[in-house]
């Protein structure tokens, strides 16, 4: 499973990735309702783990696995150590969606934590869904975020249900499921970027209508507003967001008078 290396191992060595698939370190199909997280060798198999006198290097010769945190709707950090001859994994829940209960510390510039007499290397973070012991990595819900060997993880949602609306900003067609959600595990080291294309028709009198990207709860913060007084409008708007923690982006609509909203396509990516 693993082998001792020299005491002066390279702290930067971490040829591995977290995944929700037992066979694929970089998934392309949606991974939903998953209760197990896997740690795959990736572009090598050498992993350095901290200990009291420095670093030791191990061979990650097979896929390792551990259970998802049980508490629903909770962000948690994932750490690894080599304990009693085997790889072991630690999950530490955050206080809330944007606040760590235990801040990361650093050894030779590498994020770690100390727990139960051992030092543990930080691997990434995840968030459970509303269902106990489950998480997800899909086009609409990127809830698993690697710290090492990150890859662009696509975000996408769309709808073509024509509807008429007049009023303040609300979720598209008054349905909060028109959103994408994602996780930024370390601020300034990961980034989400999205683009919104929408098609709508303000009322014939020229009153204003808008489509936008709503940020987190209540649509209180609206980014990348597109608007038009014209009869028919196609809007493209974008946003780049890298704030720490769990966030979601909702497609929002507004109309000063009754307007037809026809379709949208939200797409982008997040590092993970």
C-alpha atoms as a PDB file:
ATOM      1  CA  UNK A   1       0.000   0.000   0.000  1.00  0.00           C
ATOM      2  CA  UNK A   2       2.737   2.453   0.953  1.00  0.00           C
ATOM      3  CA  UNK A   3       6.482   2.417   1.596  1.00  0.00           C
ATOM      4  CA  UNK A   4       8.815   4.488   3.744  1.00  0.00           C
ATOM      5  CA  UNK A   5      10.925   7.042   1.918  1.00  0.00           C
ATOM      6  CA  UNK A   6      13.817   9.153   3.033  1.00  0.00           C
ATOM      7  CA  UNK A   7      13.306  11.624   5.838  1.00  0.00           C
ATOM      8  CA  UNK A   8      14.210  14.533   3.521  1.00  0.00           C
ATOM      9  CA  UNK A   9      11.402  13.828   1.059  1.00  0.00           C
ATOM     10  CA  UNK A  10      10.190  16.667  -1.177  1.00  0.00           C
ATOM     11  CA  UNK A  11       7.261  18.345   0.644  1.00  0.00           C
ATOM     12  CA  UNK A  12       5.702  19.263  -2.699  1.00  0.00           C
ATOM     13  CA  UNK A  13       5.231  15.664  -3.865  1.00  0.00           C
ATOM     14  CA  UNK A  14       1.533  14.823  -4.102  1.00  0.00           C
ATOM     15  CA  UNK A  15       0.752  12.861  -7.261  1.00  0.00           C
ATOM     16  CA  UNK A  16      -2.866  12.169  -6.360  1.00  0.00           C
ATOM     17  CA  UNK A  17      -6.428  13.424  -6.802  1.00  0.00           C
ATOM     18  CA  UNK A  18      -9.715  13.129  -4.930  1.00  0.00           C
ATOM     19  CA  UNK A  19     -12.650  11.796  -6.931  1.00  0.00           C
ATOM     20  CA  UNK A  20     -16.159  10.400  -6.438  1.00  0.00           C
ATOM     21  CA  UNK A  21     -15.438   7.585  -8.889  1.00  0.00           C
ATOM     22  CA  UNK A  22     -13.641   4.376  -7.925  1.00  0.00           C
ATOM     23  CA  UNK A  23     -12.087   4.107 -11.391  1.00  0.00           C
ATOM     24  CA  UNK A  24     -11.579   7.635 -12.749  1.00  0.00           C
ATOM     25  CA  UNK A  25      -9.522  10.385 -11.061  1.00  0.00           C
ATOM     26  CA  UNK A  26     -11.012  13.008 -13.420  1.00  0.00           C
ATOM     27  CA  UNK A  27     -14.678  12.273 -14.028  1.00  0.00           C
ATOM     28  CA  UNK A  28     -16.654  13.424 -17.066  1.00  0.00           C
ATOM     29  CA  UNK A  29     -20.027  11.904 -16.130  1.00  0.00           C
ATOM     30  CA  UNK A  30     -22.085  13.388 -13.294  1.00  0.00           C
ATOM     31  CA  UNK A  31     -21.357  11.821  -9.903  1.00  0.00           C
ATOM     32  CA  UNK A  32     -24.494  12.180  -7.779  1.00  0.00           C
ATOM     33  CA  UNK A  33     -25.634  10.794  -4.408  1.00  0.00           C
ATOM     34  CA  UNK A  34     -22.123   9.537  -3.606  1.00  0.00           C
ATOM     35  CA  UNK A  35     -21.249   8.306  -0.131  1.00  0.00           C
ATOM     36  CA  UNK A  36     -17.579   7.381  -0.746  1.00  0.00           C
ATOM     37  CA  UNK A  37     -14.627   9.581  -1.691  1.00  0.00           C
ATOM     38  CA  UNK A  38     -11.604   8.073  -3.472  1.00  0.00           C
ATOM     39  CA  UNK A  39      -7.945   9.120  -3.513  1.00  0.00           C
ATOM     40  CA  UNK A  40      -6.342   8.145  -6.813  1.00  0.00           C
ATOM     41  CA  UNK A  41      -2.717   8.067  -7.928  1.00  0.00           C
ATOM     42  CA  UNK A  42      -2.509  10.748 -10.631  1.00  0.00           C
ATOM     43  CA  UNK A  43       0.381  11.453 -13.005  1.00  0.00           C
ATOM     44  CA  UNK A  44       2.626   9.445 -10.708  1.00  0.00           C
ATOM     45  CA  UNK A  45       2.297   7.739  -7.342  1.00  0.00           C
ATOM     46  CA  UNK A  46       4.615   9.588  -4.970  1.00  0.00           C
ATOM     47  CA  UNK A  47       3.049  11.316  -1.975  1.00  0.00           C
ATOM     48  CA  UNK A  48       4.910  13.116   0.816  1.00  0.00           C
ATOM     49  CA  UNK A  49       3.217  13.259   4.203  1.00  0.00           C
ATOM     50  CA  UNK A  50       4.302  15.337   7.211  1.00  0.00           C
ATOM     51  CA  UNK A  51       5.593  14.057  10.517  1.00  0.00           C
ATOM     52  CA  UNK A  52       7.273  15.582  13.531  1.00  0.00           C
ATOM     53  CA  UNK A  53      10.763  15.750  12.014  1.00  0.00           C
ATOM     54  CA  UNK A  54       9.896  16.663   8.438  1.00  0.00           C
ATOM     55  CA  UNK A  55       8.427  14.683   5.539  1.00  0.00           C
ATOM     56  CA  UNK A  56       8.287  11.066   4.450  1.00  0.00           C
ATOM     57  CA  UNK A  57       7.491   9.890   0.964  1.00  0.00           C
ATOM     58  CA  UNK A  58       5.120   7.026   0.238  1.00  0.00           C
ATOM     59  CA  UNK A  59       4.079   5.083  -2.840  1.00  0.00           C
ATOM     60  CA  UNK A  60       0.368   5.396  -3.520  1.00  0.00           C
ATOM     61  CA  UNK A  61       0.073   2.124  -5.419  1.00  0.00           C
ATOM     62  CA  UNK A  62      -3.678   1.671  -5.223  1.00  0.00           C
ATOM     63  CA  UNK A  63      -6.841   3.742  -4.948  1.00  0.00           C
ATOM     64  CA  UNK A  64      -7.752   4.579  -1.347  1.00  0.00           C
ATOM     65  CA  UNK A  65     -11.290   5.301  -0.129  1.00  0.00           C
ATOM     66  CA  UNK A  66     -13.125   6.740   2.848  1.00  0.00           C
ATOM     67  CA  UNK A  67     -16.679   7.713   3.746  1.00  0.00           C
ATOM     68  CA  UNK A  68     -18.222  11.108   3.173  1.00  0.00           C
ATOM     69  CA  UNK A  69     -19.017  13.264   6.196  1.00  0.00           C
ATOM     70  CA  UNK A  70     -22.478  12.381   7.510  1.00  0.00           C
ATOM     71  CA  UNK A  71     -23.798  15.854   8.409  1.00  0.00           C
ATOM     72  CA  UNK A  72     -25.924  17.296   5.565  1.00  0.00           C
ATOM     73  CA  UNK A  73     -25.199  20.679   3.932  1.00  0.00           C
ATOM     74  CA  UNK A  74     -21.751  20.913   5.529  1.00  0.00           C
ATOM     75  CA  UNK A  75     -18.369  21.857   4.089  1.00  0.00           C
ATOM     76  CA  UNK A  76     -15.448  19.755   5.340  1.00  0.00           C
ATOM     77  CA  UNK A  77     -11.691  19.559   4.802  1.00  0.00           C
ATOM     78  CA  UNK A  78      -9.949  16.310   3.858  1.00  0.00           C
ATOM     79  CA  UNK A  79      -6.488  15.346   5.146  1.00  0.00           C
ATOM     80  CA  UNK A  80      -4.230  12.291   4.808  1.00  0.00           C
ATOM     81  CA  UNK A  81      -1.599  10.739   7.073  1.00  0.00           C
ATOM     82  CA  UNK A  82       0.213   7.405   7.262  1.00  0.00           C
ATOM     83  CA  UNK A  83      -0.815   5.763  10.525  1.00  0.00           C
ATOM     84  CA  UNK A  84       0.016   2.241  11.759  1.00  0.00           C
ATOM     85  CA  UNK A  85       1.177   1.076   8.343  1.00  0.00           C
ATOM     86  CA  UNK A  86      -1.705   2.414   6.279  1.00  0.00           C
ATOM     87  CA  UNK A  87      -3.047   5.603   4.747  1.00  0.00           C
ATOM     88  CA  UNK A  88      -5.614   7.245   6.996  1.00  0.00           C
ATOM     89  CA  UNK A  89      -8.011  10.101   6.286  1.00  0.00           C
ATOM     90  CA  UNK A  90      -9.334  12.906   8.455  1.00  0.00           C
ATOM     91  CA  UNK A  91     -12.475  14.967   7.785  1.00  0.00           C
ATOM     92  CA  UNK A  92     -12.886  18.287   9.597  1.00  0.00           C
ATOM     93  CA  UNK A  93     -16.219  20.110   9.327  1.00  0.00           C
ATOM     94  CA  UNK A  94     -16.350  23.872   8.797  1.00  0.00           C
ATOM     95  CA  UNK A  95     -18.312  26.178  11.101  1.00  0.00           C
ATOM     96  CA  UNK A  96     -20.464  27.287   8.155  1.00  0.00           C
ATOM     97  CA  UNK A  97     -20.278  27.513   4.360  1.00  0.00           C
ATOM     98  CA  UNK A  98     -17.525  30.140   4.355  1.00  0.00           C
ATOM     99  CA  UNK A  99     -15.680  29.688   7.679  1.00  0.00           C
ATOM    100  CA  UNK A 100     -13.250  26.964   8.711  1.00  0.00           C
ATOM    101  CA  UNK A 101     -13.620  25.751  12.293  1.00  0.00           C
ATOM    102  CA  UNK A 102      -9.885  24.927  12.277  1.00  0.00           C
ATOM    103  CA  UNK A 103      -7.623  27.073  10.121  1.00  0.00           C
ATOM    104  CA  UNK A 104      -4.994  25.402   7.967  1.00  0.00           C
ATOM    105  CA  UNK A 105      -1.407  25.645   9.187  1.00  0.00           C
ATOM    106  CA  UNK A 106       1.685  25.294   7.009  1.00  0.00           C
ATOM    107  CA  UNK A 107       4.859  23.239   7.091  1.00  0.00           C
ATOM    108  CA  UNK A 108       7.406  24.234   4.440  1.00  0.00           C
ATOM    109  CA  UNK A 109       4.598  26.084   2.672  1.00  0.00           C
ATOM    110  CA  UNK A 110       2.328  23.033   2.516  1.00  0.00           C
ATOM    111  CA  UNK A 111      -1.093  23.181   4.248  1.00  0.00           C
ATOM    112  CA  UNK A 112      -1.467  20.688   7.088  1.00  0.00           C
ATOM    113  CA  UNK A 113      -3.274  20.180  10.378  1.00  0.00           C
ATOM    114  CA  UNK A 114      -2.449  18.477  13.671  1.00  0.00           C
ATOM    115  CA  UNK A 115      -4.883  15.965  15.145  1.00  0.00           C
ATOM    116  CA  UNK A 116      -4.706  13.070  17.590  1.00  0.00           C
ATOM    117  CA  UNK A 117      -0.920  13.125  17.814  1.00  0.00           C
ATOM    118  CA  UNK A 118      -0.324  13.117  14.053  1.00  0.00           C
ATOM    119  CA  UNK A 119       0.329  15.679  11.322  1.00  0.00           C
ATOM    120  CA  UNK A 120      -1.996  15.453   8.328  1.00  0.00           C
ATOM    121  CA  UNK A 121      -1.577  16.766   4.787  1.00  0.00           C
ATOM    122  CA  UNK A 122      -4.480  18.809   3.384  1.00  0.00           C
ATOM    123  CA  UNK A 123      -5.872  17.275   0.170  1.00  0.00           C
ATOM    124  CA  UNK A 124      -8.957  19.358  -0.585  1.00  0.00           C
ATOM    125  CA  UNK A 125     -12.497  20.027   0.577  1.00  0.00           C
ATOM    126  CA  UNK A 126     -16.028  18.835  -0.077  1.00  0.00           C
ATOM    127  CA  UNK A 127     -19.592  19.658   0.881  1.00  0.00           C
ATOM    128  CA  UNK A 128     -22.426  17.297   1.652  1.00  0.00           C
ATOM    129  CA  UNK A 129     -25.784  17.682  -0.045  1.00  0.00           C
ATOM    130  CA  UNK A 130     -29.101  17.941   1.805  1.00  0.00           C
ATOM    131  CA  UNK A 131     -29.035  14.140   2.095  1.00  0.00           C
ATOM    132  CA  UNK A 132     -27.102  12.625   5.006  1.00  0.00           C
ATOM    133  CA  UNK A 133     -23.666  11.189   4.076  1.00  0.00           C
ATOM    134  CA  UNK A 134     -23.874  12.182   0.396  1.00  0.00           C
ATOM    135  CA  UNK A 135     -21.957  14.566  -1.837  1.00  0.00           C
ATOM    136  CA  UNK A 136     -21.925  15.365  -5.566  1.00  0.00           C
ATOM    137  CA  UNK A 137     -19.664  16.338  -8.452  1.00  0.00           C
ATOM    138  CA  UNK A 138     -21.835  17.246 -11.445  1.00  0.00           C
ATOM    139  CA  UNK A 139     -22.394  19.937 -14.059  1.00  0.00           C
ATOM    140  CA  UNK A 140     -24.680  21.814 -11.661  1.00  0.00           C
ATOM    141  CA  UNK A 141     -23.015  20.916  -8.332  1.00  0.00           C
ATOM    142  CA  UNK A 142     -19.223  20.930  -8.018  1.00  0.00           C
ATOM    143  CA  UNK A 143     -19.029  19.988  -4.347  1.00  0.00           C
ATOM    144  CA  UNK A 144     -15.628  18.247  -4.374  1.00  0.00           C
ATOM    145  CA  UNK A 145     -12.555  20.492  -4.711  1.00  0.00           C
ATOM    146  CA  UNK A 146      -8.977  19.255  -5.019  1.00  0.00           C
ATOM    147  CA  UNK A 147      -6.082  21.317  -3.724  1.00  0.00           C
ATOM    148  CA  UNK A 148      -3.530  19.386  -5.812  1.00  0.00           C
ATOM    149  CA  UNK A 149      -3.628  18.568  -9.523  1.00  0.00           C
ATOM    150  CA  UNK A 150      -6.672  20.741 -10.083  1.00  0.00           C
ATOM    151  CA  UNK A 151      -8.561  20.544 -13.361  1.00  0.00           C
ATOM    152  CA  UNK A 152     -11.225  22.802 -14.906  1.00  0.00           C
ATOM    153  CA  UNK A 153     -14.577  21.360 -13.811  1.00  0.00           C
ATOM    154  CA  UNK A 154     -17.408  22.460 -16.083  1.00  0.00           C
ATOM    155  CA  UNK A 155     -20.537  24.187 -14.793  1.00  0.00           C
ATOM    156  CA  UNK A 156     -23.712  24.241 -16.869  1.00  0.00           C
ATOM    157  CA  UNK A 157     -27.485  24.644 -16.662  1.00  0.00           C
ATOM    158  CA  UNK A 158     -30.126  25.816 -19.148  1.00  0.00           C
ATOM    159  CA  UNK A 159     -33.854  26.203 -19.686  1.00  0.00           C
ATOM    160  CA  UNK A 160     -36.176  27.037 -22.593  1.00  0.00           C
ATOM    161  CA  UNK A 161     -39.522  27.352 -20.827  1.00  0.00           C
ATOM    162  CA  UNK A 162     -41.158  30.560 -22.049  1.00  0.00           C
ATOM    163  CA  UNK A 163     -42.908  32.473 -19.282  1.00  0.00           C
ATOM    164  CA  UNK A 164     -44.237  35.962 -18.606  1.00  0.00           C
ATOM    165  CA  UNK A 165     -43.168  38.023 -15.594  1.00  0.00           C
ATOM    166  CA  UNK A 166     -43.302  41.512 -14.141  1.00  0.00           C
ATOM    167  CA  UNK A 167     -41.623  42.438 -10.870  1.00  0.00           C
ATOM    168  CA  UNK A 168     -38.451  42.592  -8.787  1.00  0.00           C
ATOM    169  CA  UNK A 169     -35.492  40.243  -9.216  1.00  0.00           C
ATOM    170  CA  UNK A 170     -36.397  36.591  -8.625  1.00  0.00           C
ATOM    171  CA  UNK A 171     -35.044  33.220  -9.736  1.00  0.00           C
ATOM    172  CA  UNK A 172     -35.755  32.339 -13.363  1.00  0.00           C
ATOM    173  CA  UNK A 173     -39.434  31.345 -13.667  1.00  0.00           C
ATOM    174  CA  UNK A 174     -39.615  31.556  -9.854  1.00  0.00           C
ATOM    175  CA  UNK A 175     -37.678  28.296  -9.575  1.00  0.00           C
ATOM    176  CA  UNK A 176     -34.575  28.308  -7.367  1.00  0.00           C
ATOM    177  CA  UNK A 177     -33.225  25.149  -9.041  1.00  0.00           C
ATOM    178  CA  UNK A 178     -31.984  27.261 -11.969  1.00  0.00           C
ATOM    179  CA  UNK A 179     -28.502  27.524 -10.480  1.00  0.00           C
ATOM    180  CA  UNK A 180     -25.004  26.099 -10.313  1.00  0.00           C
ATOM    181  CA  UNK A 181     -23.105  25.577  -7.054  1.00  0.00           C
ATOM    182  CA  UNK A 182     -19.414  25.195  -6.348  1.00  0.00           C
ATOM    183  CA  UNK A 183     -16.723  25.135  -3.673  1.00  0.00           C
ATOM    184  CA  UNK A 184     -13.569  27.264  -3.364  1.00  0.00           C
ATOM    185  CA  UNK A 185     -11.320  25.448  -0.838  1.00  0.00           C
ATOM    186  CA  UNK A 186      -8.550  28.050  -0.537  1.00  0.00           C
ATOM    187  CA  UNK A 187      -9.150  31.690  -1.390  1.00  0.00           C
ATOM    188  CA  UNK A 188      -7.039  33.194  -4.193  1.00  0.00           C
ATOM    189  CA  UNK A 189      -5.923  29.746  -5.360  1.00  0.00           C
ATOM    190  CA  UNK A 190      -9.159  28.671  -7.059  1.00  0.00           C
ATOM    191  CA  UNK A 191     -11.529  30.530  -9.337  1.00  0.00           C
ATOM    192  CA  UNK A 192     -15.032  30.094 -10.737  1.00  0.00           C
ATOM    193  CA  UNK A 193     -16.009  31.803 -13.972  1.00  0.00           C
ATOM    194  CA  UNK A 194     -19.419  31.702 -15.618  1.00  0.00           C
ATOM    195  CA  UNK A 195     -21.184  33.186 -18.628  1.00  0.00           C
ATOM    196  CA  UNK A 196     -24.900  33.694 -19.063  1.00  0.00           C
ATOM    197  CA  UNK A 197     -26.697  33.844 -22.420  1.00  0.00           C
ATOM    198  CA  UNK A 198     -30.402  34.707 -22.320  1.00  0.00           C
ATOM    199  CA  UNK A 199     -33.235  35.508 -24.740  1.00  0.00           C
ATOM    200  CA  UNK A 200     -36.216  37.601 -23.676  1.00  0.00           C
ATOM    201  CA  UNK A 201     -38.733  40.166 -24.922  1.00  0.00           C
ATOM    202  CA  UNK A 202     -39.509  43.288 -22.846  1.00  0.00           C
ATOM    203  CA  UNK A 203     -43.017  44.657 -23.209  1.00  0.00           C
ATOM    204  CA  UNK A 204     -43.844  46.564 -26.407  1.00  0.00           C
ATOM    205  CA  UNK A 205     -43.862  49.935 -24.588  1.00  0.00           C
ATOM    206  CA  UNK A 206     -40.112  49.744 -24.065  1.00  0.00           C
ATOM    207  CA  UNK A 207     -40.057  49.138 -20.313  1.00  0.00           C
ATOM    208  CA  UNK A 208     -36.862  47.627 -19.010  1.00  0.00           C
ATOM    209  CA  UNK A 209     -36.319  43.920 -18.456  1.00  0.00           C
ATOM    210  CA  UNK A 210     -33.182  42.213 -17.152  1.00  0.00           C
ATOM    211  CA  UNK A 211     -31.542  38.840 -16.752  1.00  0.00           C
ATOM    212  CA  UNK A 212     -28.655  38.409 -14.335  1.00  0.00           C
ATOM    213  CA  UNK A 213     -26.534  36.098 -12.208  1.00  0.00           C
ATOM    214  CA  UNK A 214     -27.640  36.142  -8.561  1.00  0.00           C
ATOM    215  CA  UNK A 215     -24.954  35.382  -5.966  1.00  0.00           C
ATOM    216  CA  UNK A 216     -25.896  33.174  -2.991  1.00  0.00           C
ATOM    217  CA  UNK A 217     -29.053  33.566  -0.935  1.00  0.00           C
ATOM    218  CA  UNK A 218     -31.917  35.927  -1.597  1.00  0.00           C
ATOM    219  CA  UNK A 219     -30.470  37.299  -4.855  1.00  0.00           C
ATOM    220  CA  UNK A 220     -29.258  40.180  -2.698  1.00  0.00           C
ATOM    221  CA  UNK A 221     -26.062  40.460  -4.708  1.00  0.00           C
ATOM    222  CA  UNK A 222     -26.533  40.444  -8.468  1.00  0.00           C
ATOM    223  CA  UNK A 223     -23.574  40.204 -10.834  1.00  0.00           C
ATOM    224  CA  UNK A 224     -23.311  40.708 -14.572  1.00  0.00           C
ATOM    225  CA  UNK A 225     -26.708  42.239 -15.221  1.00  0.00           C
ATOM    226  CA  UNK A 226     -27.855  42.256 -18.820  1.00  0.00           C
ATOM    227  CA  UNK A 227     -30.813  44.468 -19.716  1.00  0.00           C
ATOM    228  CA  UNK A 228     -32.743  45.763 -22.668  1.00  0.00           C
ATOM    229  CA  UNK A 229     -35.487  48.224 -23.630  1.00  0.00           C
ATOM    230  CA  UNK A 230     -35.731  46.723 -27.098  1.00  0.00           C
ATOM    231  CA  UNK A 231     -38.425  44.346 -28.281  1.00  0.00           C
ATOM    232  CA  UNK A 232     -36.152  41.322 -28.508  1.00  0.00           C
ATOM    233  CA  UNK A 233     -32.848  40.946 -26.694  1.00  0.00           C
ATOM    234  CA  UNK A 234     -30.115  38.343 -26.474  1.00  0.00           C
ATOM    235  CA  UNK A 235     -27.834  39.006 -23.527  1.00  0.00           C
ATOM    236  CA  UNK A 236     -24.393  37.632 -22.722  1.00  0.00           C
ATOM    237  CA  UNK A 237     -22.920  38.416 -19.319  1.00  0.00           C
ATOM    238  CA  UNK A 238     -20.054  36.976 -17.303  1.00  0.00           C
ATOM    239  CA  UNK A 239     -18.623  36.860 -13.794  1.00  0.00           C
ATOM    240  CA  UNK A 240     -15.374  35.647 -12.192  1.00  0.00           C
ATOM    241  CA  UNK A 241     -15.651  34.650  -8.541  1.00  0.00           C
ATOM    242  CA  UNK A 242     -13.082  33.243  -6.136  1.00  0.00           C
ATOM    243  CA  UNK A 243     -14.412  33.826  -2.637  1.00  0.00           C
ATOM    244  CA  UNK A 244     -13.668  31.162  -0.037  1.00  0.00           C
ATOM    245  CA  UNK A 245     -16.208  28.423   0.612  1.00  0.00           C
ATOM    246  CA  UNK A 246     -19.471  27.192  -0.843  1.00  0.00           C
ATOM    247  CA  UNK A 247     -21.417  29.472  -3.181  1.00  0.00           C
ATOM    248  CA  UNK A 248     -24.165  29.235  -5.739  1.00  0.00           C
ATOM    249  CA  UNK A 249     -25.126  31.306  -8.763  1.00  0.00           C
ATOM    250  CA  UNK A 250     -28.803  31.620  -9.661  1.00  0.00           C
ATOM    251  CA  UNK A 251     -30.192  32.800 -12.989  1.00  0.00           C
ATOM    252  CA  UNK A 252     -32.358  35.804 -12.099  1.00  0.00           C
ATOM    253  CA  UNK A 253     -34.934  37.894 -13.955  1.00  0.00           C
ATOM    254  CA  UNK A 254     -36.524  41.327 -13.560  1.00  0.00           C
ATOM    255  CA  UNK A 255     -39.144  43.254 -15.543  1.00  0.00           C
ATOM    256  CA  UNK A 256     -40.639  46.721 -15.074  1.00  0.00           C
ATOM    257  CA  UNK A 257     -43.708  45.531 -17.006  1.00  0.00           C
ATOM    258  CA  UNK A 258     -45.003  42.149 -18.177  1.00  0.00           C
ATOM    259  CA  UNK A 259     -42.275  40.606 -20.359  1.00  0.00           C
ATOM    260  CA  UNK A 260     -41.650  37.259 -22.008  1.00  0.00           C
ATOM    261  CA  UNK A 261     -38.563  35.368 -20.871  1.00  0.00           C
ATOM    262  CA  UNK A 262     -37.746  32.606 -23.353  1.00  0.00           C
ATOM    263  CA  UNK A 263     -34.474  30.792 -22.631  1.00  0.00           C
ATOM    264  CA  UNK A 264     -31.074  30.920 -20.983  1.00  0.00           C
ATOM    265  CA  UNK A 265     -27.817  28.992 -20.969  1.00  0.00           C
ATOM    266  CA  UNK A 266     -25.389  29.369 -18.064  1.00  0.00           C
ATOM    267  CA  UNK A 267     -21.975  27.783 -18.468  1.00  0.00           C
ATOM    268  CA  UNK A 268     -18.491  28.089 -17.055  1.00  0.00           C
ATOM    269  CA  UNK A 269     -15.952  26.247 -14.927  1.00  0.00           C
ATOM    270  CA  UNK A 270     -14.351  26.078 -11.508  1.00  0.00           C
ATOM    271  CA  UNK A 271     -10.914  24.790 -10.511  1.00  0.00           C
ATOM    272  CA  UNK A 272     -11.215  21.516  -8.656  1.00  0.00           C
END
